[in-house]
Amino acid sequence: MKSNKKHTLTEDIHFFTAGLSGNLITVWQEDPAGVYCEIGRGYVEAYTNKYVRVRNLQSGTKSLYSRDVTMFQTD
């Protein structure tokens, strides 16, 4: 049975597991009012302790996001 609960990715093991299993993730950043807005959706391609590279779901382009200012969730 698949869970509908979203999981926030914060640890290296979370990114490793999402990348290995091919889980779709959403990428969120705060707007100037402090509200989180979805800015991307795709698959974890690579990660370091500072950045996560995500391959866009539709276009296939790759984007690099700072782990300091970005929230990542499984979709």
N, C-alpha and C. Protein backbone atom coordinates (compact mmCIF):
# COMPACT_ATOMS: atom_id res chain seq x y z
N MET A 1 0.84 -1.18 0.00
CA MET A 1 0.00 0.00 0.00
C MET A 1 0.89 1.24 0.00
N LYS A 2 0.60 2.17 -0.88
CA LYS A 2 1.37 3.39 -1.00
C LYS A 2 0.84 4.45 -0.04
N SER A 3 1.76 5.12 0.66
CA SER A 3 1.37 6.18 1.59
C SER A 3 1.26 7.50 0.86
N ASN A 4 0.27 8.31 1.21
CA ASN A 4 0.10 9.64 0.63
C ASN A 4 0.84 10.69 1.44
N LYS A 5 1.52 10.29 2.50
CA LYS A 5 2.21 11.23 3.36
C LYS A 5 3.50 11.70 2.68
N LYS A 6 3.68 13.01 2.65
CA LYS A 6 4.90 13.58 2.10
C LYS A 6 6.00 13.49 3.15
N HIS A 7 7.22 13.28 2.69
CA HIS A 7 8.37 13.17 3.58
C HIS A 7 9.38 14.24 3.19
N THR A 8 9.82 15.02 4.15
CA THR A 8 10.82 16.05 3.88
C THR A 8 12.20 15.41 3.88
N LEU A 9 12.97 15.70 2.84
CA LEU A 9 14.33 15.17 2.70
C LEU A 9 15.30 16.15 3.34
N THR A 10 16.03 15.68 4.36
CA THR A 10 16.98 16.56 5.04
C THR A 10 18.37 15.94 5.17
N GLU A 11 18.43 14.64 5.26
CA GLU A 11 19.69 13.93 5.47
C GLU A 11 20.22 13.34 4.17
N ASP A 12 21.53 13.10 4.12
CA ASP A 12 22.13 12.49 2.94
C ASP A 12 21.45 11.17 2.57
N ILE A 13 21.10 10.38 3.57
CA ILE A 13 20.47 9.08 3.30
C ILE A 13 19.12 9.27 2.61
N HIS A 14 18.40 10.35 2.93
CA HIS A 14 17.11 10.63 2.27
C HIS A 14 17.32 10.89 0.78
N PHE A 15 18.34 11.70 0.44
CA PHE A 15 18.62 12.00 -0.96
C PHE A 15 19.14 10.77 -1.69
N PHE A 16 19.96 9.98 -1.01
CA PHE A 16 20.48 8.74 -1.59
C PHE A 16 19.33 7.80 -1.94
N THR A 17 18.43 7.61 -0.99
CA THR A 17 17.29 6.71 -1.19
C THR A 17 16.37 7.21 -2.30
N ALA A 18 16.08 8.51 -2.31
CA ALA A 18 15.20 9.08 -3.35
C ALA A 18 15.83 8.94 -4.73
N GLY A 19 17.13 9.17 -4.81
CA GLY A 19 17.82 9.04 -6.10
C GLY A 19 17.88 7.60 -6.57
N LEU A 20 18.19 6.70 -5.66
CA LEU A 20 18.32 5.29 -6.01
C LEU A 20 16.98 4.68 -6.42
N SER A 21 15.92 5.06 -5.73
CA SER A 21 14.61 4.48 -6.01
C SER A 21 13.85 5.22 -7.11
N GLY A 22 14.37 6.36 -7.55
CA GLY A 22 13.71 7.12 -8.60
C GLY A 22 12.45 7.81 -8.15
N ASN A 23 12.39 8.15 -6.85
CA ASN A 23 11.21 8.85 -6.33
C ASN A 23 11.13 10.26 -6.89
N LEU A 24 9.94 10.67 -7.25
CA LEU A 24 9.68 12.03 -7.68
C LEU A 24 9.71 12.92 -6.44
N ILE A 25 10.43 14.04 -6.52
CA ILE A 25 10.47 14.98 -5.40
C ILE A 25 9.99 16.34 -5.85
N THR A 26 9.53 17.13 -4.88
CA THR A 26 9.17 18.52 -5.14
C THR A 26 10.19 19.41 -4.44
N VAL A 27 10.42 20.59 -5.03
CA VAL A 27 11.43 21.53 -4.55
C VAL A 27 10.70 22.81 -4.16
N TRP A 28 10.96 23.31 -2.94
CA TRP A 28 10.25 24.46 -2.39
C TRP A 28 11.23 25.50 -1.88
N GLN A 29 10.91 26.78 -2.11
CA GLN A 29 11.67 27.89 -1.53
C GLN A 29 10.70 28.94 -1.04
N GLU A 30 11.15 29.73 -0.05
CA GLU A 30 10.32 30.79 0.51
C GLU A 30 10.28 31.99 -0.42
N ASP A 31 9.10 32.59 -0.54
CA ASP A 31 8.98 33.84 -1.28
C ASP A 31 9.27 34.99 -0.30
N PRO A 32 9.27 36.24 -0.75
CA PRO A 32 9.58 37.36 0.14
C PRO A 32 8.65 37.47 1.35
N ALA A 33 7.44 36.94 1.25
CA ALA A 33 6.50 36.99 2.38
C ALA A 33 6.72 35.84 3.36
N GLY A 34 7.66 34.94 3.07
CA GLY A 34 7.94 33.82 3.95
C GLY A 34 7.08 32.60 3.70
N VAL A 35 6.39 32.56 2.57
CA VAL A 35 5.53 31.44 2.22
C VAL A 35 6.29 30.51 1.27
N TYR A 36 6.28 29.22 1.56
CA TYR A 36 6.95 28.27 0.68
C TYR A 36 6.15 28.06 -0.60
N CYS A 37 6.85 28.14 -1.74
CA CYS A 37 6.25 27.95 -3.06
C CYS A 37 7.02 26.85 -3.79
N GLU A 38 6.28 26.01 -4.49
CA GLU A 38 6.94 24.95 -5.27
C GLU A 38 7.63 25.58 -6.48
N ILE A 39 8.93 25.31 -6.61
CA ILE A 39 9.70 25.88 -7.72
C ILE A 39 10.22 24.81 -8.67
N GLY A 40 10.04 23.56 -8.32
CA GLY A 40 10.52 22.49 -9.17
C GLY A 40 9.96 21.15 -8.78
N ARG A 41 10.12 20.21 -9.71
CA ARG A 41 9.63 18.84 -9.51
C ARG A 41 10.47 17.94 -10.39
N GLY A 42 11.02 16.89 -9.82
CA GLY A 42 11.84 16.01 -10.63
C GLY A 42 12.50 14.92 -9.81
N TYR A 43 13.68 14.51 -10.27
CA TYR A 43 14.39 13.37 -9.69
C TYR A 43 15.78 13.79 -9.22
N VAL A 44 16.20 13.25 -8.08
CA VAL A 44 17.53 13.55 -7.56
C VAL A 44 18.58 12.92 -8.48
N GLU A 45 19.45 13.74 -9.02
CA GLU A 45 20.53 13.26 -9.88
C GLU A 45 21.83 13.12 -9.08
N ALA A 46 22.07 14.10 -8.19
CA ALA A 46 23.29 14.09 -7.38
C ALA A 46 23.06 15.01 -6.17
N TYR A 47 23.90 14.86 -5.16
CA TYR A 47 23.80 15.72 -3.99
C TYR A 47 25.15 15.82 -3.31
N THR A 48 25.37 16.93 -2.63
CA THR A 48 26.52 17.13 -1.75
C THR A 48 25.96 17.64 -0.44
N ASN A 49 26.84 17.98 0.47
CA ASN A 49 26.35 18.52 1.74
C ASN A 49 25.79 19.94 1.58
N LYS A 50 26.02 20.58 0.41
CA LYS A 50 25.53 21.94 0.19
C LYS A 50 24.47 22.06 -0.90
N TYR A 51 24.48 21.16 -1.88
CA TYR A 51 23.59 21.29 -3.03
C TYR A 51 22.92 19.98 -3.40
N VAL A 52 21.79 20.10 -4.11
CA VAL A 52 21.11 18.94 -4.68
C VAL A 52 20.83 19.27 -6.15
N ARG A 53 21.21 18.35 -7.04
CA ARG A 53 20.92 18.52 -8.46
C ARG A 53 19.69 17.69 -8.79
N VAL A 54 18.69 18.36 -9.38
CA VAL A 54 17.41 17.73 -9.69
C VAL A 54 17.18 17.81 -11.20
N ARG A 55 16.80 16.66 -11.78
CA ARG A 55 16.43 16.61 -13.20
C ARG A 55 14.93 16.85 -13.29
N ASN A 56 14.55 17.91 -14.02
CA ASN A 56 13.16 18.33 -14.15
C ASN A 56 12.31 17.22 -14.75
N LEU A 57 11.13 17.04 -14.19
CA LEU A 57 10.21 15.98 -14.61
C LEU A 57 9.81 16.10 -16.07
N GLN A 58 9.48 17.30 -16.53
CA GLN A 58 8.95 17.45 -17.88
C GLN A 58 10.01 17.77 -18.92
N SER A 59 10.91 18.71 -18.60
CA SER A 59 11.86 19.16 -19.63
C SER A 59 13.17 18.37 -19.62
N GLY A 60 13.47 17.72 -18.50
CA GLY A 60 14.73 16.99 -18.40
C GLY A 60 15.93 17.86 -18.06
N THR A 61 15.72 19.18 -17.95
CA THR A 61 16.82 20.07 -17.58
C THR A 61 17.23 19.80 -16.13
N LYS A 62 18.48 20.11 -15.84
CA LYS A 62 19.01 19.86 -14.51
C LYS A 62 19.22 21.19 -13.80
N SER A 63 18.79 21.26 -12.55
CA SER A 63 18.93 22.47 -11.75
C SER A 63 19.63 22.12 -10.45
N LEU A 64 20.42 23.08 -9.96
CA LEU A 64 21.16 22.93 -8.72
C LEU A 64 20.51 23.80 -7.66
N TYR A 65 20.17 23.21 -6.52
CA TYR A 65 19.51 23.93 -5.44
C TYR A 65 20.34 23.85 -4.17
N SER A 66 20.44 24.97 -3.46
CA SER A 66 21.15 25.02 -2.19
C SER A 66 20.31 24.35 -1.11
N ARG A 67 20.92 23.48 -0.35
CA ARG A 67 20.20 22.80 0.74
C ARG A 67 19.90 23.75 1.88
N ASP A 68 20.63 24.88 1.96
CA ASP A 68 20.42 25.84 3.04
C ASP A 68 19.10 26.60 2.92
N VAL A 69 18.65 26.84 1.69
CA VAL A 69 17.46 27.70 1.50
C VAL A 69 16.33 26.99 0.77
N THR A 70 16.45 25.69 0.59
CA THR A 70 15.47 24.93 -0.18
C THR A 70 14.94 23.76 0.63
N MET A 71 13.65 23.49 0.49
CA MET A 71 13.04 22.33 1.13
C MET A 71 12.71 21.32 0.03
N PHE A 72 13.00 20.06 0.28
CA PHE A 72 12.75 18.99 -0.66
C PHE A 72 11.79 18.00 -0.01
N GLN A 73 10.79 17.56 -0.79
CA GLN A 73 9.83 16.59 -0.28
C GLN A 73 9.59 15.51 -1.32
N THR A 74 9.32 14.30 -0.83
CA THR A 74 8.87 13.25 -1.75
C THR A 74 7.47 13.59 -2.18
N ASP A 75 7.12 13.21 -3.41
CA ASP A 75 5.79 13.54 -3.93
C ASP A 75 4.92 12.32 -3.94
